[in-house]
């Protein structure tokens, strides 16, 4: 609720970013993480063919269900060697998903030199994931202070209220609501 995904979307959709990378890939990880699904998503979004298709079988643009995890990972690594990619892993959870992804995907199978031209953005609500990641930079959005919370709330809650007496009444109620949101932009 502090804006991790929102900030990532702004970066992902930025025109300067778009012009810098050959491929932009968005992977929603969540708690129901499965490595094969994640790798397939990366390949599908990049327009890559599966291992079987690159060897002559299958239809173009579809990732075959028979490709195993190691083949898919090899294909993703090849993609990273050939192209500059921005890959956003949104909402990586803890041990049952996020850390497994990090360990498998960014293991010794993915040499640092092969992906230097690519950028990975990872959003997480879990401090264990943050500490497991050896990142160049960690950005941690903060909660809004009282003044910014009120400004954000007012911008959305009162934008269509023109009558002053009605607006004052709503502001009274709003001043009770805003502190209960704890500075979370999503709650406000």
N, C-alpha and C. Protein backbone atom coordinates (compact mmCIF):
# COMPACT_ATOMS: atom_id res chain seq x y z
N UNK A 1 0.78 -1.21 0.00
CA UNK A 1 0.00 0.00 0.00
C UNK A 1 0.82 1.27 0.00
N UNK A 2 2.18 1.19 0.03
CA UNK A 2 2.99 2.41 0.03
C UNK A 2 3.36 2.86 -1.38
N UNK A 3 3.02 2.08 -2.41
CA UNK A 3 3.25 2.52 -3.78
C UNK A 3 4.34 1.79 -4.54
N UNK A 4 4.74 0.60 -4.08
CA UNK A 4 5.82 -0.14 -4.76
C UNK A 4 5.45 -0.46 -6.20
N UNK A 5 4.28 -1.00 -6.41
CA UNK A 5 3.85 -1.37 -7.76
C UNK A 5 3.60 -0.13 -8.60
N UNK A 6 3.04 0.91 -8.01
CA UNK A 6 2.77 2.14 -8.74
C UNK A 6 4.07 2.76 -9.26
N UNK A 7 5.08 2.82 -8.41
CA UNK A 7 6.38 3.37 -8.83
C UNK A 7 6.97 2.52 -9.94
N UNK A 8 6.89 1.20 -9.79
CA UNK A 8 7.42 0.29 -10.82
C UNK A 8 6.70 0.47 -12.15
N UNK A 9 5.38 0.66 -12.11
CA UNK A 9 4.62 0.88 -13.35
C UNK A 9 5.03 2.17 -14.03
N UNK A 10 5.29 3.21 -13.24
CA UNK A 10 5.74 4.48 -13.83
C UNK A 10 7.07 4.29 -14.55
N UNK A 11 7.98 3.56 -13.94
CA UNK A 11 9.27 3.28 -14.58
C UNK A 11 9.06 2.45 -15.84
N UNK A 12 8.26 1.39 -15.73
CA UNK A 12 8.00 0.47 -16.83
C UNK A 12 7.42 1.19 -18.04
N UNK A 13 6.55 2.17 -17.81
CA UNK A 13 5.86 2.86 -18.90
C UNK A 13 6.55 4.15 -19.34
N UNK A 14 7.65 4.50 -18.73
CA UNK A 14 8.38 5.72 -19.08
C UNK A 14 8.96 5.62 -20.49
N UNK A 15 8.86 6.69 -21.28
CA UNK A 15 9.34 6.65 -22.67
C UNK A 15 10.86 6.53 -22.76
N UNK A 16 11.58 7.17 -21.86
CA UNK A 16 13.05 7.06 -21.87
C UNK A 16 13.46 5.62 -21.57
N UNK A 17 12.78 5.01 -20.62
CA UNK A 17 13.06 3.60 -20.28
C UNK A 17 12.73 2.72 -21.48
N UNK A 18 11.60 2.97 -22.10
CA UNK A 18 11.19 2.16 -23.27
C UNK A 18 12.24 2.21 -24.36
N UNK A 19 12.80 3.38 -24.60
CA UNK A 19 13.80 3.53 -25.65
C UNK A 19 15.15 2.91 -25.29
N UNK A 20 15.40 2.71 -24.01
CA UNK A 20 16.69 2.19 -23.56
C UNK A 20 16.79 0.66 -23.66
N UNK A 21 15.67 -0.04 -23.52
CA UNK A 21 15.69 -1.50 -23.48
C UNK A 21 15.06 -2.11 -24.73
N UNK A 22 15.63 -3.25 -25.18
CA UNK A 22 15.03 -4.01 -26.27
C UNK A 22 13.72 -4.65 -25.84
N UNK A 23 13.68 -5.11 -24.59
CA UNK A 23 12.52 -5.82 -24.07
C UNK A 23 12.14 -5.26 -22.70
N UNK A 24 10.83 -5.11 -22.48
CA UNK A 24 10.31 -4.78 -21.15
C UNK A 24 9.36 -5.91 -20.77
N UNK A 25 9.58 -6.47 -19.60
CA UNK A 25 8.81 -7.64 -19.19
C UNK A 25 8.32 -7.42 -17.76
N UNK A 26 7.02 -7.65 -17.55
CA UNK A 26 6.41 -7.50 -16.24
C UNK A 26 5.96 -8.88 -15.76
N UNK A 27 6.47 -9.30 -14.60
CA UNK A 27 6.10 -10.59 -14.04
C UNK A 27 5.45 -10.37 -12.68
N UNK A 28 4.17 -10.73 -12.56
CA UNK A 28 3.50 -10.67 -11.26
C UNK A 28 3.76 -11.99 -10.55
N UNK A 29 4.50 -11.92 -9.45
CA UNK A 29 4.94 -13.15 -8.78
C UNK A 29 3.90 -13.63 -7.77
N UNK A 30 3.55 -12.84 -6.80
CA UNK A 30 2.57 -13.12 -5.75
C UNK A 30 2.90 -14.37 -4.93
N UNK A 31 1.97 -14.76 -4.08
CA UNK A 31 2.22 -15.88 -3.16
C UNK A 31 2.09 -17.24 -3.84
N UNK A 32 1.40 -17.30 -4.96
CA UNK A 32 1.21 -18.58 -5.65
C UNK A 32 2.28 -18.79 -6.73
N UNK A 33 3.50 -18.45 -6.39
CA UNK A 33 4.63 -18.49 -7.32
C UNK A 33 4.92 -19.92 -7.81
N UNK A 34 5.16 -20.01 -9.13
CA UNK A 34 5.66 -21.25 -9.73
C UNK A 34 6.73 -20.84 -10.74
N UNK A 35 7.91 -21.42 -10.60
CA UNK A 35 9.06 -21.03 -11.42
C UNK A 35 8.77 -21.20 -12.91
N UNK A 36 8.16 -22.31 -13.30
CA UNK A 36 7.90 -22.56 -14.72
C UNK A 36 6.99 -21.49 -15.31
N UNK A 37 5.97 -21.11 -14.54
CA UNK A 37 5.02 -20.09 -15.01
C UNK A 37 5.74 -18.75 -15.18
N UNK A 38 6.62 -18.44 -14.24
CA UNK A 38 7.38 -17.19 -14.30
C UNK A 38 8.28 -17.17 -15.53
N UNK A 39 9.02 -18.25 -15.76
CA UNK A 39 9.91 -18.32 -16.92
C UNK A 39 9.14 -18.27 -18.22
N UNK A 40 8.02 -18.97 -18.30
CA UNK A 40 7.18 -18.94 -19.50
C UNK A 40 6.67 -17.52 -19.77
N UNK A 41 6.28 -16.84 -18.71
CA UNK A 41 5.78 -15.48 -18.85
C UNK A 41 6.87 -14.57 -19.43
N UNK A 42 8.08 -14.70 -18.94
CA UNK A 42 9.20 -13.91 -19.46
C UNK A 42 9.39 -14.19 -20.95
N UNK A 43 9.40 -15.46 -21.31
CA UNK A 43 9.62 -15.83 -22.72
C UNK A 43 8.47 -15.38 -23.62
N UNK A 44 7.24 -15.57 -23.15
CA UNK A 44 6.09 -15.16 -23.96
C UNK A 44 6.09 -13.65 -24.20
N UNK A 45 6.38 -12.88 -23.16
CA UNK A 45 6.39 -11.42 -23.30
C UNK A 45 7.53 -10.94 -24.19
N UNK A 46 8.60 -11.71 -24.27
CA UNK A 46 9.72 -11.31 -25.11
C UNK A 46 9.54 -11.76 -26.55
N UNK A 47 8.52 -12.58 -26.80
CA UNK A 47 8.27 -13.08 -28.15
C UNK A 47 9.17 -14.24 -28.53
N UNK A 48 9.87 -14.78 -27.55
CA UNK A 48 10.78 -15.90 -27.81
C UNK A 48 10.00 -17.19 -28.05
N UNK A 49 10.62 -18.09 -28.78
CA UNK A 49 10.06 -19.42 -29.01
C UNK A 49 10.59 -20.35 -27.95
N UNK A 50 9.88 -21.43 -27.71
CA UNK A 50 10.34 -22.42 -26.74
C UNK A 50 11.52 -23.20 -27.30
N UNK A 51 12.14 -23.98 -26.47
CA UNK A 51 13.28 -24.81 -26.89
C UNK A 51 12.86 -25.73 -28.03
N UNK A 52 11.68 -26.35 -27.91
CA UNK A 52 11.21 -27.27 -28.95
C UNK A 52 10.99 -26.55 -30.27
N UNK A 53 10.41 -25.34 -30.19
CA UNK A 53 10.13 -24.60 -31.41
C UNK A 53 11.40 -24.14 -32.09
N UNK A 54 12.41 -23.77 -31.31
CA UNK A 54 13.64 -23.32 -31.93
C UNK A 54 14.38 -24.48 -32.59
N UNK A 55 13.98 -25.72 -32.25
CA UNK A 55 14.58 -26.88 -32.88
C UNK A 55 13.72 -27.39 -34.04
N UNK A 56 12.69 -26.62 -34.41
CA UNK A 56 11.92 -26.95 -35.60
C UNK A 56 10.49 -27.38 -35.37
N UNK A 57 10.07 -27.65 -34.17
CA UNK A 57 8.69 -28.10 -33.94
C UNK A 57 7.85 -27.02 -33.31
N UNK A 58 6.54 -27.22 -33.29
CA UNK A 58 5.63 -26.31 -32.59
C UNK A 58 5.26 -25.09 -33.41
N UNK A 59 4.31 -24.31 -32.85
CA UNK A 59 3.85 -23.11 -33.53
C UNK A 59 4.61 -21.91 -33.00
N UNK A 60 4.82 -20.95 -33.86
CA UNK A 60 5.57 -19.74 -33.50
C UNK A 60 4.84 -18.96 -32.42
N UNK A 61 5.61 -18.41 -31.47
CA UNK A 61 5.07 -17.53 -30.46
C UNK A 61 4.44 -18.20 -29.26
N UNK A 62 4.30 -19.51 -29.24
CA UNK A 62 3.71 -20.18 -28.10
C UNK A 62 4.78 -21.00 -27.40
N UNK A 63 4.79 -20.94 -26.08
CA UNK A 63 5.77 -21.68 -25.31
C UNK A 63 5.18 -23.06 -25.02
N UNK A 64 5.87 -24.09 -25.45
CA UNK A 64 5.38 -25.45 -25.31
C UNK A 64 5.29 -25.87 -23.86
N UNK A 65 4.27 -26.63 -23.53
CA UNK A 65 4.06 -27.11 -22.16
C UNK A 65 5.08 -28.17 -21.78
N UNK A 66 5.76 -28.77 -22.76
CA UNK A 66 6.69 -29.85 -22.42
C UNK A 66 8.10 -29.36 -22.09
N UNK A 67 8.35 -28.07 -22.32
CA UNK A 67 9.67 -27.55 -21.98
C UNK A 67 9.83 -27.58 -20.46
N UNK A 68 10.90 -28.16 -19.98
CA UNK A 68 11.07 -28.22 -18.53
C UNK A 68 11.74 -26.95 -18.01
N UNK A 69 11.79 -26.84 -16.71
CA UNK A 69 12.30 -25.65 -16.06
C UNK A 69 13.73 -25.30 -16.48
N UNK A 70 14.60 -26.28 -16.57
CA UNK A 70 15.99 -25.98 -16.94
C UNK A 70 16.09 -25.49 -18.37
N UNK A 71 15.27 -26.04 -19.28
CA UNK A 71 15.26 -25.55 -20.65
C UNK A 71 14.75 -24.11 -20.72
N UNK A 72 13.70 -23.84 -19.95
CA UNK A 72 13.14 -22.50 -19.93
C UNK A 72 14.15 -21.50 -19.36
N UNK A 73 14.82 -21.89 -18.28
CA UNK A 73 15.82 -21.02 -17.67
C UNK A 73 16.96 -20.75 -18.64
N UNK A 74 17.40 -21.79 -19.35
CA UNK A 74 18.46 -21.63 -20.36
C UNK A 74 18.02 -20.63 -21.44
N UNK A 75 16.77 -20.72 -21.85
CA UNK A 75 16.24 -19.83 -22.88
C UNK A 75 16.19 -18.38 -22.38
N UNK A 76 15.81 -18.20 -21.12
CA UNK A 76 15.78 -16.85 -20.54
C UNK A 76 17.20 -16.28 -20.45
N UNK A 77 18.15 -17.10 -20.04
CA UNK A 77 19.55 -16.66 -19.96
C UNK A 77 20.05 -16.26 -21.34
N UNK A 78 19.70 -17.04 -22.36
CA UNK A 78 20.08 -16.69 -23.74
C UNK A 78 19.49 -15.34 -24.14
N UNK A 79 18.24 -15.11 -23.76
CA UNK A 79 17.58 -13.84 -24.04
C UNK A 79 18.36 -12.69 -23.41
N UNK A 80 18.78 -12.87 -22.15
CA UNK A 80 19.50 -11.82 -21.44
C UNK A 80 20.89 -11.57 -22.03
N UNK A 81 21.48 -12.59 -22.63
CA UNK A 81 22.78 -12.42 -23.28
C UNK A 81 22.65 -11.62 -24.58
N UNK A 82 21.52 -11.81 -25.27
CA UNK A 82 21.32 -11.21 -26.58
C UNK A 82 20.74 -9.80 -26.54
N UNK A 83 19.90 -9.50 -25.54
CA UNK A 83 19.14 -8.26 -25.55
C UNK A 83 19.28 -7.52 -24.22
N UNK A 84 19.00 -6.22 -24.28
CA UNK A 84 18.90 -5.46 -23.03
C UNK A 84 17.45 -5.56 -22.59
N UNK A 85 17.26 -5.98 -21.37
CA UNK A 85 15.92 -6.22 -20.86
C UNK A 85 15.68 -5.48 -19.56
N UNK A 86 14.47 -5.01 -19.40
CA UNK A 86 13.99 -4.55 -18.12
C UNK A 86 12.97 -5.59 -17.68
N UNK A 87 13.25 -6.26 -16.58
CA UNK A 87 12.32 -7.26 -16.06
C UNK A 87 11.90 -6.82 -14.66
N UNK A 88 10.61 -6.63 -14.49
CA UNK A 88 10.08 -6.27 -13.18
C UNK A 88 9.40 -7.49 -12.59
N UNK A 89 9.89 -7.90 -11.44
CA UNK A 89 9.27 -8.97 -10.66
C UNK A 89 8.45 -8.29 -9.57
N UNK A 90 7.15 -8.24 -9.78
CA UNK A 90 6.29 -7.50 -8.87
C UNK A 90 5.72 -8.40 -7.79
N UNK A 91 5.88 -7.98 -6.56
CA UNK A 91 5.27 -8.61 -5.38
C UNK A 91 5.86 -9.98 -5.06
N UNK A 92 7.18 -10.03 -4.95
CA UNK A 92 7.83 -11.28 -4.53
C UNK A 92 7.57 -11.48 -3.05
N UNK A 93 7.12 -12.66 -2.72
CA UNK A 93 6.79 -12.99 -1.33
C UNK A 93 8.00 -13.66 -0.69
N UNK A 94 7.76 -14.36 0.40
CA UNK A 94 8.83 -14.96 1.19
C UNK A 94 9.30 -16.30 0.70
N UNK A 95 9.69 -17.14 1.61
CA UNK A 95 10.39 -18.41 1.35
C UNK A 95 9.69 -19.30 0.34
N UNK A 96 8.37 -19.36 0.36
CA UNK A 96 7.65 -20.27 -0.54
C UNK A 96 7.63 -19.79 -1.98
N UNK A 97 8.13 -18.62 -2.26
CA UNK A 97 8.07 -18.14 -3.64
C UNK A 97 9.24 -17.25 -3.99
N UNK A 98 9.28 -16.09 -3.37
CA UNK A 98 10.25 -15.09 -3.75
C UNK A 98 11.69 -15.50 -3.58
N UNK A 99 12.03 -16.03 -2.44
CA UNK A 99 13.42 -16.42 -2.22
C UNK A 99 13.81 -17.59 -3.10
N UNK A 100 12.87 -18.51 -3.33
CA UNK A 100 13.14 -19.61 -4.26
C UNK A 100 13.43 -19.07 -5.65
N UNK A 101 12.61 -18.11 -6.09
CA UNK A 101 12.82 -17.49 -7.41
C UNK A 101 14.20 -16.85 -7.46
N UNK A 102 14.50 -16.07 -6.44
CA UNK A 102 15.78 -15.38 -6.43
C UNK A 102 16.93 -16.36 -6.51
N UNK A 103 16.88 -17.41 -5.71
CA UNK A 103 17.98 -18.39 -5.67
C UNK A 103 18.10 -19.14 -6.99
N UNK A 104 16.97 -19.52 -7.58
CA UNK A 104 17.01 -20.28 -8.84
C UNK A 104 17.35 -19.39 -10.03
N UNK A 105 16.67 -18.26 -10.12
CA UNK A 105 16.83 -17.41 -11.29
C UNK A 105 18.18 -16.70 -11.30
N UNK A 106 18.58 -16.19 -10.17
CA UNK A 106 19.81 -15.43 -10.09
C UNK A 106 20.93 -16.25 -9.46
N UNK A 107 20.98 -17.51 -9.81
CA UNK A 107 22.01 -18.40 -9.28
C UNK A 107 23.25 -18.31 -10.16
N UNK A 108 24.15 -19.25 -9.99
CA UNK A 108 25.36 -19.27 -10.81
C UNK A 108 25.05 -19.54 -12.28
N UNK A 109 23.82 -19.99 -12.58
CA UNK A 109 23.43 -20.20 -13.98
C UNK A 109 23.29 -18.88 -14.74
N UNK A 110 23.19 -17.79 -14.02
CA UNK A 110 23.02 -16.49 -14.63
C UNK A 110 24.22 -15.61 -14.25
N UNK A 111 25.33 -15.80 -14.96
CA UNK A 111 26.52 -15.02 -14.63
C UNK A 111 26.25 -13.53 -14.72
N UNK A 112 26.80 -12.79 -13.78
CA UNK A 112 26.58 -11.35 -13.71
C UNK A 112 26.96 -10.66 -15.01
N UNK A 113 28.01 -11.10 -15.65
CA UNK A 113 28.47 -10.47 -16.88
C UNK A 113 27.46 -10.63 -18.02
N UNK A 114 26.65 -11.69 -17.97
CA UNK A 114 25.68 -11.92 -19.04
C UNK A 114 24.49 -10.97 -18.98
N UNK A 115 24.22 -10.41 -17.82
CA UNK A 115 23.03 -9.57 -17.71
C UNK A 115 23.35 -8.15 -17.29
N UNK A 116 24.58 -7.71 -17.48
CA UNK A 116 24.98 -6.35 -17.08
C UNK A 116 24.17 -5.28 -17.81
N UNK A 117 23.75 -5.54 -19.03
CA UNK A 117 23.01 -4.55 -19.79
C UNK A 117 21.53 -4.56 -19.44
N UNK A 118 21.09 -5.54 -18.68
CA UNK A 118 19.69 -5.64 -18.29
C UNK A 118 19.49 -5.08 -16.89
N UNK A 119 18.23 -4.80 -16.58
CA UNK A 119 17.88 -4.25 -15.28
C UNK A 119 16.72 -5.06 -14.71
N UNK A 120 16.83 -5.38 -13.44
CA UNK A 120 15.79 -6.11 -12.74
C UNK A 120 15.27 -5.24 -11.61
N UNK A 121 13.96 -5.05 -11.58
CA UNK A 121 13.32 -4.33 -10.49
C UNK A 121 12.45 -5.34 -9.76
N UNK A 122 12.60 -5.35 -8.45
CA UNK A 122 11.88 -6.32 -7.63
C UNK A 122 11.09 -5.57 -6.58
N UNK A 123 9.80 -5.84 -6.51
CA UNK A 123 9.01 -5.26 -5.42
C UNK A 123 8.66 -6.38 -4.46
N UNK A 124 8.70 -6.05 -3.18
CA UNK A 124 8.38 -7.03 -2.14
C UNK A 124 7.90 -6.32 -0.90
N UNK A 125 7.11 -7.01 -0.13
CA UNK A 125 6.68 -6.50 1.17
C UNK A 125 7.42 -7.23 2.28
N UNK A 126 8.37 -8.10 1.91
CA UNK A 126 9.03 -8.98 2.86
C UNK A 126 10.50 -8.58 3.03
N UNK A 127 10.88 -8.24 4.23
CA UNK A 127 12.26 -7.82 4.49
C UNK A 127 13.26 -8.95 4.28
N UNK A 128 12.84 -10.23 4.43
CA UNK A 128 13.73 -11.36 4.17
C UNK A 128 14.14 -11.40 2.70
N UNK A 129 13.21 -11.08 1.82
CA UNK A 129 13.52 -11.04 0.39
C UNK A 129 14.51 -9.91 0.13
N UNK A 130 14.26 -8.76 0.73
CA UNK A 130 15.14 -7.61 0.55
C UNK A 130 16.56 -7.93 1.00
N UNK A 131 16.70 -8.60 2.13
CA UNK A 131 18.04 -8.89 2.63
C UNK A 131 18.73 -10.00 1.82
N UNK A 132 17.96 -10.87 1.15
CA UNK A 132 18.54 -11.94 0.35
C UNK A 132 19.05 -11.44 -1.00
N UNK A 133 18.58 -10.27 -1.41
CA UNK A 133 18.93 -9.73 -2.71
C UNK A 133 20.18 -8.88 -2.59
N UNK A 134 21.15 -9.19 -3.42
CA UNK A 134 22.34 -8.34 -3.51
C UNK A 134 22.06 -7.33 -4.61
N UNK A 135 21.53 -6.19 -4.20
CA UNK A 135 21.10 -5.19 -5.17
C UNK A 135 22.05 -4.01 -5.21
N UNK A 136 22.09 -3.36 -6.37
CA UNK A 136 22.87 -2.13 -6.49
C UNK A 136 22.23 -1.03 -5.65
N UNK A 137 20.92 -1.04 -5.59
CA UNK A 137 20.21 0.02 -4.88
C UNK A 137 18.88 -0.51 -4.37
N UNK A 138 18.52 -0.10 -3.17
CA UNK A 138 17.21 -0.46 -2.61
C UNK A 138 16.46 0.83 -2.33
N UNK A 139 15.27 0.91 -2.88
CA UNK A 139 14.41 2.07 -2.65
C UNK A 139 13.24 1.60 -1.80
N UNK A 140 13.06 2.24 -0.67
CA UNK A 140 11.98 1.85 0.23
C UNK A 140 11.03 3.03 0.39
N UNK A 141 9.88 2.99 -0.31
CA UNK A 141 8.92 4.08 -0.17
C UNK A 141 8.49 4.21 1.29
N UNK A 142 8.27 5.43 1.72
CA UNK A 142 7.88 5.65 3.11
C UNK A 142 6.40 6.00 3.20
N UNK A 143 5.90 5.94 4.41
CA UNK A 143 4.53 6.34 4.66
C UNK A 143 4.42 7.85 4.52
N UNK A 144 3.24 8.32 4.19
CA UNK A 144 3.02 9.75 4.06
C UNK A 144 2.86 10.39 5.44
N UNK A 145 3.38 11.60 5.59
CA UNK A 145 3.17 12.32 6.84
C UNK A 145 1.73 12.84 6.87
N UNK A 146 1.33 13.45 7.98
CA UNK A 146 -0.06 13.91 8.15
C UNK A 146 -0.49 14.90 7.08
N UNK A 147 0.40 15.84 6.76
CA UNK A 147 0.05 16.86 5.78
C UNK A 147 -0.15 16.26 4.38
N UNK A 148 0.78 15.40 3.96
CA UNK A 148 0.66 14.78 2.63
C UNK A 148 -0.52 13.81 2.58
N UNK A 149 -0.78 13.14 3.69
CA UNK A 149 -1.94 12.25 3.76
C UNK A 149 -3.23 13.03 3.55
N UNK A 150 -3.34 14.17 4.21
CA UNK A 150 -4.54 14.99 4.07
C UNK A 150 -4.67 15.52 2.64
N UNK A 151 -3.57 15.95 2.05
CA UNK A 151 -3.62 16.46 0.67
C UNK A 151 -4.09 15.38 -0.30
N UNK A 152 -3.55 14.17 -0.16
CA UNK A 152 -3.96 13.09 -1.05
C UNK A 152 -5.42 12.73 -0.85
N UNK A 153 -5.83 12.61 0.40
CA UNK A 153 -7.22 12.27 0.71
C UNK A 153 -8.16 13.35 0.16
N UNK A 154 -7.84 14.60 0.41
CA UNK A 154 -8.68 15.72 -0.04
C UNK A 154 -8.80 15.76 -1.56
N UNK A 155 -7.68 15.51 -2.22
CA UNK A 155 -7.66 15.55 -3.69
C UNK A 155 -8.70 14.61 -4.28
N UNK A 156 -8.85 13.45 -3.67
CA UNK A 156 -9.78 12.46 -4.22
C UNK A 156 -11.17 12.53 -3.60
N UNK A 157 -11.23 12.78 -2.31
CA UNK A 157 -12.52 12.73 -1.62
C UNK A 157 -13.39 13.95 -1.90
N UNK A 158 -12.78 15.11 -2.09
CA UNK A 158 -13.56 16.35 -2.18
C UNK A 158 -13.55 16.99 -3.56
N UNK A 159 -13.03 16.34 -4.54
CA UNK A 159 -12.84 17.01 -5.84
C UNK A 159 -14.15 17.43 -6.50
N UNK A 160 -15.27 16.74 -6.22
CA UNK A 160 -16.53 17.10 -6.89
C UNK A 160 -17.49 17.86 -5.98
N UNK A 161 -17.06 18.16 -4.75
CA UNK A 161 -17.94 18.86 -3.82
C UNK A 161 -17.69 20.37 -3.94
N UNK A 162 -18.70 21.07 -4.44
CA UNK A 162 -18.57 22.51 -4.67
C UNK A 162 -19.15 23.33 -3.51
N UNK A 163 -20.24 22.88 -2.93
CA UNK A 163 -20.92 23.63 -1.88
C UNK A 163 -20.06 23.67 -0.61
N UNK A 164 -19.76 24.86 -0.09
CA UNK A 164 -18.84 25.04 1.03
C UNK A 164 -19.33 24.36 2.31
N UNK A 165 -20.63 24.50 2.65
CA UNK A 165 -21.13 23.89 3.90
C UNK A 165 -21.05 22.38 3.85
N UNK A 166 -21.32 21.80 2.70
CA UNK A 166 -21.21 20.36 2.52
C UNK A 166 -19.74 19.92 2.59
N UNK A 167 -18.89 20.70 1.99
CA UNK A 167 -17.45 20.40 2.01
C UNK A 167 -16.91 20.40 3.44
N UNK A 168 -17.33 21.38 4.26
CA UNK A 168 -16.89 21.45 5.65
C UNK A 168 -17.32 20.23 6.43
N UNK A 169 -18.54 19.78 6.18
CA UNK A 169 -19.06 18.58 6.85
C UNK A 169 -18.22 17.35 6.49
N UNK A 170 -17.91 17.21 5.21
CA UNK A 170 -17.09 16.08 4.75
C UNK A 170 -15.66 16.17 5.29
N UNK A 171 -15.16 17.39 5.41
CA UNK A 171 -13.81 17.55 5.96
C UNK A 171 -13.74 17.10 7.41
N UNK A 172 -14.79 17.36 8.18
CA UNK A 172 -14.83 16.90 9.57
C UNK A 172 -14.70 15.38 9.64
N UNK A 173 -15.45 14.70 8.81
CA UNK A 173 -15.39 13.24 8.78
C UNK A 173 -14.04 12.78 8.24
N UNK A 174 -13.54 13.46 7.22
CA UNK A 174 -12.25 13.12 6.64
C UNK A 174 -11.12 13.20 7.64
N UNK A 175 -11.17 14.19 8.53
CA UNK A 175 -10.12 14.35 9.54
C UNK A 175 -10.13 13.21 10.56
N UNK A 176 -11.24 12.50 10.65
CA UNK A 176 -11.30 11.30 11.50
C UNK A 176 -10.78 10.07 10.75
N UNK A 177 -10.98 10.06 9.45
CA UNK A 177 -10.59 8.91 8.64
C UNK A 177 -9.09 8.89 8.35
N UNK A 178 -8.52 10.01 7.97
CA UNK A 178 -7.12 10.09 7.52
C UNK A 178 -6.13 9.48 8.51
N UNK A 179 -6.20 9.79 9.81
CA UNK A 179 -5.22 9.18 10.73
C UNK A 179 -5.31 7.65 10.81
N UNK A 180 -6.50 7.12 10.55
CA UNK A 180 -6.67 5.66 10.60
C UNK A 180 -6.04 4.96 9.39
N UNK A 181 -5.68 5.72 8.36
CA UNK A 181 -5.06 5.14 7.16
C UNK A 181 -3.56 4.94 7.33
N UNK A 182 -2.99 5.47 8.39
CA UNK A 182 -1.59 5.24 8.72
C UNK A 182 -0.58 5.69 7.67
N UNK A 183 -0.93 6.66 6.87
CA UNK A 183 0.02 7.17 5.88
C UNK A 183 0.17 6.29 4.64
N UNK A 184 -0.71 5.30 4.48
CA UNK A 184 -0.66 4.42 3.30
C UNK A 184 -1.43 5.04 2.14
N UNK A 185 -0.75 5.39 1.05
CA UNK A 185 -1.44 5.99 -0.08
C UNK A 185 -2.61 5.16 -0.59
N UNK A 186 -2.48 3.86 -0.64
CA UNK A 186 -3.54 3.01 -1.14
C UNK A 186 -4.78 3.10 -0.25
N UNK A 187 -4.61 3.18 1.06
CA UNK A 187 -5.73 3.29 1.98
C UNK A 187 -6.38 4.67 1.87
N UNK A 188 -5.58 5.68 1.64
CA UNK A 188 -6.12 7.05 1.53
C UNK A 188 -6.91 7.19 0.26
